Amino acid sequence: MYTIQCQYNRNQRLLKELGKIWLSAVKTSHFFLTEKDIQKLYPLVLDAIYNVPHLLTIKDENKHIAFMGLEQKNIEMLFVADFAQKKGIGSQLVDHAINAYHCNTITVNEENSIALSFYQKKGFSIINRYEYDNLGNHFPILELELKERIFSN
């Protein structure tokens, strides 16, 4: 079990570290994105990390290995560094979001089958599909809602 920290001071060092986590995670799950897409999205992701109301992180020793952003009852983002995946870290963050922040919705890219499967195992179900993401890109988005709470790793 890792310690989850809420980040209030979002300085450039933290943003750079979390940006690296995003890059490594995206390259293991967002196979539909080109390198050009990733470079275009990167500054927008840093801005989103900086502005999300609740930013939660997990460290392993002195290095961040995962982060999650929450707004109201929505999980806005969840990324685990490539080398730290499949260790229950994402599950721990989602469980915390549900239990401490009462989060019950999330959106995922339709083509990110890894994330979709993960959230479905956590009890989320698809309630809507959108042809375009919030930036107008043709990356179909699935809106998920927590229907049944399933405790699993």
Protein backbone atom coordinates (compact mmCIF):
# COMPACT_ATOMS: atom_id res chain seq x y z
CA MET A 1 0.00 0.00 0.00
CA TYR A 2 1.35 3.39 -1.01
CA THR A 3 0.76 6.77 0.62
CA ILE A 4 -1.47 9.09 -1.39
CA GLN A 5 -0.63 12.77 -1.16
CA CYS A 6 -2.77 15.73 -2.19
CA GLN A 7 -0.62 18.27 -4.05
CA TYR A 8 -1.39 21.92 -3.35
CA ASN A 9 1.92 23.47 -4.45
CA ARG A 10 2.14 22.65 -8.14
CA ASN A 11 5.53 24.01 -9.09
CA GLN A 12 7.40 23.45 -12.35
CA ARG A 13 9.44 20.61 -10.89
CA LEU A 14 6.30 18.67 -9.95
CA LEU A 15 4.67 19.38 -13.32
CA LYS A 16 7.76 18.15 -15.15
CA GLU A 17 7.87 14.96 -13.06
CA LEU A 18 4.16 14.25 -13.59
CA GLY A 19 4.51 15.09 -17.28
CA LYS A 20 7.11 12.33 -17.56
CA ILE A 21 4.69 9.89 -15.93
CA TRP A 22 2.00 10.90 -18.43
CA LEU A 23 4.38 10.37 -21.36
CA SER A 24 5.45 6.92 -20.17
CA ALA A 25 1.88 5.83 -19.38
CA VAL A 26 0.45 7.07 -22.68
CA LYS A 27 3.05 5.15 -24.65
CA THR A 28 1.89 1.90 -22.99
CA SER A 29 -1.85 2.39 -23.45
CA HIS A 30 -2.75 5.07 -26.00
CA PHE A 31 -1.59 3.21 -29.10
CA PHE A 32 -3.94 5.25 -31.29
CA LEU A 33 -1.96 8.45 -30.65
CA THR A 34 0.85 9.40 -33.00
CA GLU A 35 4.03 11.03 -31.73
CA LYS A 36 2.71 14.28 -33.21
CA ASP A 37 -0.55 13.87 -31.23
CA ILE A 38 1.41 13.26 -28.03
CA GLN A 39 3.57 16.35 -28.55
CA LYS A 40 0.47 18.44 -29.27
CA LEU A 41 -1.32 17.18 -26.17
CA TYR A 42 1.63 17.43 -23.77
CA PRO A 43 1.36 21.17 -22.92
CA LEU A 44 -2.42 20.81 -22.56
CA VAL A 45 -1.92 17.93 -20.14
CA LEU A 46 0.52 19.98 -18.05
CA ASP A 47 -2.06 22.78 -17.93
CA ALA A 48 -4.77 20.30 -16.88
CA ILE A 49 -2.52 18.88 -14.14
CA TYR A 50 -1.83 22.38 -12.86
CA ASN A 51 -5.52 23.39 -12.84
CA VAL A 52 -7.36 20.25 -11.71
CA PRO A 53 -9.04 20.95 -8.35
CA HIS A 54 -7.69 17.86 -6.56
CA LEU A 55 -4.32 16.45 -7.61
CA LEU A 56 -3.30 13.24 -5.86
CA THR A 57 0.09 11.59 -6.23
CA ILE A 58 1.90 8.46 -5.14
CA LYS A 59 5.64 8.28 -4.56
CA ASP A 60 7.95 5.31 -4.43
CA GLU A 61 10.86 6.40 -2.26
CA ASN A 62 11.54 9.97 -3.50
CA LYS A 63 10.08 9.72 -6.98
CA HIS A 64 6.47 10.17 -8.09
CA ILE A 65 5.15 7.08 -9.86
CA ALA A 66 1.46 7.90 -10.33
CA PHE A 67 -1.06 10.73 -10.23
CA MET A 68 -4.77 11.30 -10.44
CA GLY A 69 -6.84 14.44 -10.93
CA LEU A 70 -10.36 14.85 -9.58
CA GLU A 71 -13.05 17.44 -10.17
CA GLN A 72 -16.35 17.23 -8.31
CA LYS A 73 -17.29 13.53 -8.56
CA ASN A 74 -15.30 12.86 -11.72
CA ILE A 75 -11.92 11.21 -12.13
CA GLU A 76 -10.40 13.59 -14.67
CA MET A 77 -7.11 11.75 -15.16
CA LEU A 78 -5.21 8.76 -13.85
CA PHE A 79 -1.73 7.83 -14.98
CA VAL A 80 0.78 5.35 -13.59
CA ALA A 81 4.41 5.32 -14.79
CA ASP A 82 5.10 2.45 -17.17
CA PHE A 83 7.52 0.71 -14.78
CA ALA A 84 4.99 0.90 -11.90
CA GLN A 85 1.96 -0.53 -13.71
CA LYS A 86 0.27 -3.81 -12.75
CA LYS A 87 1.13 -3.33 -9.05
CA GLY A 88 -2.26 -2.18 -7.73
CA ILE A 89 -1.36 1.52 -7.73
CA GLY A 90 -4.15 2.55 -10.10
CA SER A 91 -6.62 0.47 -8.09
CA GLN A 92 -5.52 2.13 -4.89
CA LEU A 93 -6.01 5.59 -6.41
CA VAL A 94 -9.45 4.75 -7.83
CA ASP A 95 -10.57 3.20 -4.53
CA HIS A 96 -9.43 6.37 -2.75
CA ALA A 97 -11.28 8.59 -5.26
CA ILE A 98 -14.47 6.60 -4.73
CA ASN A 99 -14.25 6.34 -0.96
CA ALA A 100 -12.78 9.73 0.01
CA TYR A 101 -14.11 11.98 -2.79
CA HIS A 102 -17.25 10.02 -3.76
CA CYS A 103 -16.18 9.93 -7.42
CA ASN A 104 -18.51 7.94 -9.64
CA THR A 105 -17.74 9.02 -13.22
CA ILE A 106 -14.84 9.00 -15.64
CA THR A 107 -14.28 9.35 -19.37
CA VAL A 108 -11.84 7.20 -21.32
CA ASN A 109 -10.72 7.03 -24.89
CA GLU A 110 -12.68 4.29 -26.63
CA GLU A 111 -9.49 2.96 -28.17
CA ASN A 112 -7.79 2.62 -24.78
CA SER A 113 -8.95 -0.92 -24.13
CA ILE A 114 -6.58 -1.28 -21.17
CA ALA A 115 -8.22 1.60 -19.27
CA LEU A 116 -11.73 0.53 -20.25
CA SER A 117 -11.17 -3.00 -18.95
CA PHE A 118 -9.59 -1.66 -15.75
CA TYR A 119 -12.54 0.62 -14.96
CA GLN A 120 -15.09 -2.04 -15.83
CA LYS A 121 -13.40 -4.38 -13.34
CA LYS A 122 -13.71 -1.59 -10.76
CA GLY A 123 -17.49 -1.51 -11.32
CA PHE A 124 -17.85 1.24 -13.93
CA SER A 125 -20.21 0.85 -16.91
CA ILE A 126 -20.46 2.76 -20.18
CA ILE A 127 -23.32 5.26 -20.18
CA ASN A 128 -22.45 7.46 -23.20
CA ARG A 129 -20.22 7.56 -26.27
CA TYR A 130 -18.97 10.73 -27.96
CA GLU A 131 -17.43 10.73 -31.41
CA TYR A 132 -14.97 13.54 -30.56
CA ASP A 133 -12.94 14.42 -27.48
CA ASN A 134 -13.33 17.76 -25.70
CA LEU A 135 -10.71 19.32 -28.00
CA GLY A 136 -12.61 18.35 -31.13
CA ASN A 137 -10.20 15.56 -32.07
CA HIS A 138 -11.63 12.42 -33.61
CA PHE A 139 -10.73 10.25 -30.62
CA PRO A 140 -14.04 8.71 -29.52
CA ILE A 141 -14.72 9.06 -25.80
CA LEU A 142 -16.67 6.76 -23.50
CA GLU A 143 -18.35 8.15 -20.41
CA LEU A 144 -18.44 5.64 -17.56
CA GLU A 145 -20.38 5.64 -14.33
CA LEU A 146 -19.91 3.58 -11.20
CA LYS A 147 -22.86 1.20 -11.16
CA GLU A 148 -21.79 -1.42 -8.68
CA ARG A 149 -18.90 -1.24 -6.26
CA ILE A 150 -16.57 -4.20 -6.74
CA PHE A 151 -13.57 -4.49 -4.43
CA SER A 152 -10.67 -5.92 -6.39
CA ASN A 153 -7.03 -5.23 -7.14
